[in-house]
C-alpha atoms as a PDB file:
ATOM      1  CA  UNK A   1       7.469  -6.031  -1.156  1.00  0.00           C
ATOM      2  CA  UNK A   2       5.003  -6.584   1.661  1.00  0.00           C
ATOM      3  CA  UNK A   3       3.588  -4.196   4.228  1.00  0.00           C
ATOM      4  CA  UNK A   4       1.462  -4.433   7.348  1.00  0.00           C
ATOM      5  CA  UNK A   5      -1.134  -1.636   7.373  1.00  0.00           C
ATOM      6  CA  UNK A   6      -3.008  -1.695  10.657  1.00  0.00           C
ATOM      7  CA  UNK A   7      -5.376   1.111   9.605  1.00  0.00           C
ATOM      8  CA  UNK A   8      -6.654  -0.794   6.522  1.00  0.00           C
ATOM      9  CA  UNK A   9     -10.105  -2.069   7.449  1.00  0.00           C
ATOM     10  CA  UNK A  10     -12.379  -1.941   4.382  1.00  0.00           C
ATOM     11  CA  UNK A  11     -12.600  -1.916   0.607  1.00  0.00           C
ATOM     12  CA  UNK A  12     -12.473   1.878   0.509  1.00  0.00           C
ATOM     13  CA  UNK A  13      -9.169   1.735   2.391  1.00  0.00           C
ATOM     14  CA  UNK A  14      -7.807  -0.698  -0.193  1.00  0.00           C
ATOM     15  CA  UNK A  15      -8.867   1.615  -3.039  1.00  0.00           C
ATOM     16  CA  UNK A  16      -7.191   4.585  -1.337  1.00  0.00           C
ATOM     17  CA  UNK A  17      -4.010   2.546  -0.900  1.00  0.00           C
ATOM     18  CA  UNK A  18      -4.080   1.426  -4.540  1.00  0.00           C
ATOM     19  CA  UNK A  19      -4.557   5.040  -5.657  1.00  0.00           C
ATOM     20  CA  UNK A  20      -1.645   6.249  -3.512  1.00  0.00           C
ATOM     21  CA  UNK A  21       0.662   3.575  -4.923  1.00  0.00           C
ATOM     22  CA  UNK A  22      -0.515   4.210  -8.490  1.00  0.00           C
ATOM     23  CA  UNK A  23       0.515   7.854  -8.090  1.00  0.00           C
ATOM     24  CA  UNK A  24       4.091   6.613  -7.602  1.00  0.00           C
ATOM     25  CA  UNK A  25       3.961   3.755 -10.148  1.00  0.00           C
ATOM     26  CA  UNK A  26       0.930   3.449 -12.412  1.00  0.00           C
ATOM     27  CA  UNK A  27       2.025  -0.079 -13.395  1.00  0.00           C
ATOM     28  CA  UNK A  28       2.245  -1.370  -9.818  1.00  0.00           C
ATOM     29  CA  UNK A  29       0.262  -4.470  -8.882  1.00  0.00           C
ATOM     30  CA  UNK A  30      -1.272  -4.337  -5.405  1.00  0.00           C
ATOM     31  CA  UNK A  31      -2.783  -7.348  -3.648  1.00  0.00           C
ATOM     32  CA  UNK A  32      -4.549  -6.759  -0.346  1.00  0.00           C
ATOM     33  CA  UNK A  33      -5.428  -9.179   2.443  1.00  0.00           C
ATOM     34  CA  UNK A  34      -7.972  -7.316   4.553  1.00  0.00           C
ATOM     35  CA  UNK A  35      -8.143 -10.035   7.204  1.00  0.00           C
ATOM     36  CA  UNK A  36      -4.412  -9.873   7.850  1.00  0.00           C
ATOM     37  CA  UNK A  37      -4.273  -6.128   7.094  1.00  0.00           C
ATOM     38  CA  UNK A  38      -1.391  -6.692   4.714  1.00  0.00           C
ATOM     39  CA  UNK A  39      -0.612  -5.706   1.145  1.00  0.00           C
ATOM     40  CA  UNK A  40       1.914  -6.971  -1.332  1.00  0.00           C
ATOM     41  CA  UNK A  41       3.161  -4.643  -4.034  1.00  0.00           C
ATOM     42  CA  UNK A  42       4.926  -5.517  -7.268  1.00  0.00           C
ATOM     43  CA  UNK A  43       6.546  -2.319  -8.457  1.00  0.00           C
ATOM     44  CA  UNK A  44       9.670  -0.885  -9.990  1.00  0.00           C
ATOM     45  CA  UNK A  45       9.480   2.035  -7.539  1.00  0.00           C
ATOM     46  CA  UNK A  46      11.759   2.351  -4.545  1.00  0.00           C
ATOM     47  CA  UNK A  47      10.460   0.921  -1.258  1.00  0.00           C
ATOM     48  CA  UNK A  48      10.936   4.298   0.450  1.00  0.00           C
ATOM     49  CA  UNK A  49       8.752   5.985  -2.201  1.00  0.00           C
ATOM     50  CA  UNK A  50       5.944   3.473  -1.644  1.00  0.00           C
ATOM     51  CA  UNK A  51       6.177   3.806   2.133  1.00  0.00           C
ATOM     52  CA  UNK A  52       6.042   7.620   1.883  1.00  0.00           C
ATOM     53  CA  UNK A  53       3.005   7.483  -0.436  1.00  0.00           C
ATOM     54  CA  UNK A  54       1.190   5.204   2.006  1.00  0.00           C
ATOM     55  CA  UNK A  55       2.121   7.411   4.961  1.00  0.00           C
ATOM     56  CA  UNK A  56       0.950  10.544   3.109  1.00  0.00           C
ATOM     57  CA  UNK A  57      -2.352   8.800   2.274  1.00  0.00           C
ATOM     58  CA  UNK A  58      -2.986   8.167   5.978  1.00  0.00           C
ATOM     59  CA  UNK A  59      -2.015   4.491   6.003  1.00  0.00           C
ATOM     60  CA  UNK A  60       1.292   4.216   7.863  1.00  0.00           C
ATOM     61  CA  UNK A  61       2.967   0.986   6.724  1.00  0.00           C
ATOM     62  CA  UNK A  62       5.247  -1.438   8.490  1.00  0.00           C
ATOM     63  CA  UNK A  63       7.592  -3.292   6.159  1.00  0.00           C
ATOM     64  CA  UNK A  64       7.417  -7.083   6.427  1.00  0.00           C
END
């Protein structure tokens, strides 16, 4: 699944996003593209769970 995260602007943001997703699925693989402000997530978790974790972490996502 892919998300647009307009508030992601630095490496610390990426680490916070990775931590939020890991809290839902510790085995998730997150790839970030800072320039495009997008992430892709390989996870067995439900999309709604990932979106809620990102929202709760202060990084409201838009599904792509």
